[in-house]
Amino acid sequence: MSDPACRTTKSWCLCTDYDLWATKVAGPQVLVDALVSDSEIEAIRLPWTTT
């Protein structure tokens, strides 16, 4: 991404559709950690992500 705004901690991306089996979320580590640790959200960390 060449846009500097895409690298801020306020940036995130959501990919979903009615016929997908999952929704993908990409964003700051704190956002991902919050989603994965939330007991009411079924979330996994994808194997090709970094921590």
N, C-alpha and C. Protein backbone atom coordinates (compact mmCIF):
# COMPACT_ATOMS: atom_id res chain seq x y z
N MET A 1 0.85 -1.18 0.00
CA MET A 1 0.00 0.00 0.00
C MET A 1 0.89 1.24 0.00
N SER A 2 0.65 2.10 -0.90
CA SER A 2 1.46 3.31 -0.96
C SER A 2 0.84 4.46 -0.17
N ASP A 3 -0.41 4.36 0.18
CA ASP A 3 -1.08 5.41 0.93
C ASP A 3 -0.67 5.34 2.41
N PRO A 4 0.00 6.39 2.94
CA PRO A 4 0.44 6.36 4.34
C PRO A 4 -0.72 6.19 5.32
N ALA A 5 -1.91 6.62 4.96
CA ALA A 5 -3.06 6.49 5.85
C ALA A 5 -3.43 5.02 6.08
N CYS A 6 -3.06 4.16 5.16
CA CYS A 6 -3.37 2.74 5.29
C CYS A 6 -2.49 2.05 6.32
N ARG A 7 -1.47 2.72 6.80
CA ARG A 7 -0.56 2.11 7.77
C ARG A 7 -0.77 2.65 9.18
N THR A 8 -1.78 3.44 9.41
CA THR A 8 -2.03 3.98 10.74
C THR A 8 -2.77 2.94 11.57
N THR A 9 -2.79 3.15 12.87
CA THR A 9 -3.49 2.21 13.75
C THR A 9 -5.01 2.34 13.64
N LYS A 10 -5.49 3.31 12.88
CA LYS A 10 -6.93 3.48 12.71
C LYS A 10 -7.43 2.83 11.43
N SER A 11 -6.56 2.18 10.69
CA SER A 11 -6.96 1.53 9.44
C SER A 11 -7.33 0.08 9.68
N TRP A 12 -8.33 -0.38 8.96
CA TRP A 12 -8.69 -1.78 9.00
C TRP A 12 -9.45 -2.11 7.73
N CYS A 13 -9.60 -3.39 7.45
CA CYS A 13 -10.26 -3.85 6.24
C CYS A 13 -11.20 -5.00 6.58
N LEU A 14 -12.36 -5.02 5.98
CA LEU A 14 -13.35 -6.06 6.21
C LEU A 14 -13.78 -6.61 4.86
N CYS A 15 -13.79 -7.93 4.74
CA CYS A 15 -14.22 -8.58 3.49
C CYS A 15 -15.29 -9.60 3.82
N THR A 16 -16.49 -9.38 3.33
CA THR A 16 -17.59 -10.32 3.60
C THR A 16 -18.57 -10.32 2.43
N ASP A 17 -19.38 -11.33 2.38
CA ASP A 17 -20.43 -11.46 1.37
C ASP A 17 -21.43 -12.49 1.89
N TYR A 18 -22.63 -12.48 1.41
CA TYR A 18 -23.65 -13.38 1.92
C TYR A 18 -23.34 -14.85 1.66
N ASP A 19 -22.54 -15.16 0.64
CA ASP A 19 -22.27 -16.56 0.34
C ASP A 19 -20.87 -17.03 0.78
N LEU A 20 -20.17 -16.22 1.54
CA LEU A 20 -18.87 -16.65 2.07
C LEU A 20 -19.07 -17.40 3.38
N TRP A 21 -18.18 -18.33 3.69
CA TRP A 21 -18.27 -19.09 4.95
C TRP A 21 -17.68 -18.32 6.11
N ALA A 22 -16.99 -17.22 5.80
CA ALA A 22 -16.34 -16.45 6.86
C ALA A 22 -16.20 -15.00 6.43
N THR A 23 -15.87 -14.17 7.39
CA THR A 23 -15.55 -12.77 7.15
C THR A 23 -14.10 -12.56 7.53
N LYS A 24 -13.34 -11.93 6.67
CA LYS A 24 -11.94 -11.66 6.97
C LYS A 24 -11.78 -10.22 7.44
N VAL A 25 -11.04 -10.05 8.51
CA VAL A 25 -10.76 -8.73 9.06
C VAL A 25 -9.26 -8.57 9.16
N ALA A 26 -8.76 -7.46 8.69
CA ALA A 26 -7.34 -7.13 8.82
C ALA A 26 -7.24 -5.76 9.45
N GLY A 27 -6.32 -5.61 10.38
CA GLY A 27 -6.17 -4.33 11.03
C GLY A 27 -5.07 -4.36 12.05
N PRO A 28 -5.06 -3.36 12.92
CA PRO A 28 -4.02 -3.28 13.95
C PRO A 28 -4.06 -4.51 14.86
N GLN A 29 -2.93 -4.85 15.42
CA GLN A 29 -2.82 -6.02 16.30
C GLN A 29 -3.82 -5.98 17.44
N VAL A 30 -4.06 -4.80 18.00
CA VAL A 30 -5.00 -4.67 19.12
C VAL A 30 -6.42 -5.05 18.68
N LEU A 31 -6.81 -4.72 17.46
CA LEU A 31 -8.12 -5.09 16.93
C LEU A 31 -8.22 -6.60 16.76
N VAL A 32 -7.23 -7.19 16.14
CA VAL A 32 -7.22 -8.64 15.92
C VAL A 32 -7.23 -9.39 17.25
N ASP A 33 -6.41 -8.96 18.19
CA ASP A 33 -6.37 -9.59 19.51
C ASP A 33 -7.73 -9.51 20.20
N ALA A 34 -8.40 -8.37 20.09
CA ALA A 34 -9.71 -8.20 20.71
C ALA A 34 -10.74 -9.14 20.09
N LEU A 35 -10.71 -9.31 18.78
CA LEU A 35 -11.65 -10.21 18.11
C LEU A 35 -11.39 -11.66 18.48
N VAL A 36 -10.12 -12.06 18.47
CA VAL A 36 -9.77 -13.45 18.78
C VAL A 36 -10.09 -13.79 20.23
N SER A 37 -9.92 -12.85 21.14
CA SER A 37 -10.14 -13.14 22.56
C SER A 37 -11.59 -12.94 23.01
N ASP A 38 -12.45 -12.40 22.17
CA ASP A 38 -13.85 -12.17 22.54
C ASP A 38 -14.59 -13.51 22.60
N SER A 39 -15.21 -13.81 23.73
CA SER A 39 -15.89 -15.10 23.93
C SER A 39 -17.17 -15.23 23.11
N GLU A 40 -17.73 -14.14 22.61
CA GLU A 40 -18.96 -14.19 21.84
C GLU A 40 -18.74 -14.19 20.33
N ILE A 41 -17.49 -14.07 19.92
CA ILE A 41 -17.15 -14.06 18.50
C ILE A 41 -16.34 -15.30 18.18
N GLU A 42 -16.75 -16.02 17.15
CA GLU A 42 -16.00 -17.18 16.71
C GLU A 42 -14.93 -16.69 15.73
N ALA A 43 -13.69 -16.64 16.20
CA ALA A 43 -12.62 -16.07 15.40
C ALA A 43 -11.36 -16.93 15.49
N ILE A 44 -10.62 -16.96 14.40
CA ILE A 44 -9.32 -17.65 14.37
C ILE A 44 -8.30 -16.72 13.73
N ARG A 45 -7.04 -16.94 14.06
CA ARG A 45 -5.96 -16.21 13.41
C ARG A 45 -5.50 -17.05 12.22
N LEU A 46 -5.47 -16.45 11.05
CA LEU A 46 -5.06 -17.19 9.85
C LEU A 46 -3.59 -17.56 9.94
N PRO A 47 -3.21 -18.72 9.42
CA PRO A 47 -1.85 -19.22 9.59
C PRO A 47 -0.76 -18.37 8.92
N TRP A 48 -1.11 -17.56 7.95
CA TRP A 48 -0.08 -16.77 7.27
C TRP A 48 0.05 -15.36 7.85
N THR A 49 -0.61 -15.10 8.97
CA THR A 49 -0.49 -13.80 9.63
C THR A 49 0.72 -13.79 10.56
N THR A 50 1.15 -12.62 10.94
CA THR A 50 2.26 -12.49 11.88
C THR A 50 1.73 -11.96 13.19
N THR A 51 2.44 -12.22 14.25
CA THR A 51 2.01 -11.73 15.56
C THR A 51 2.97 -10.70 16.08
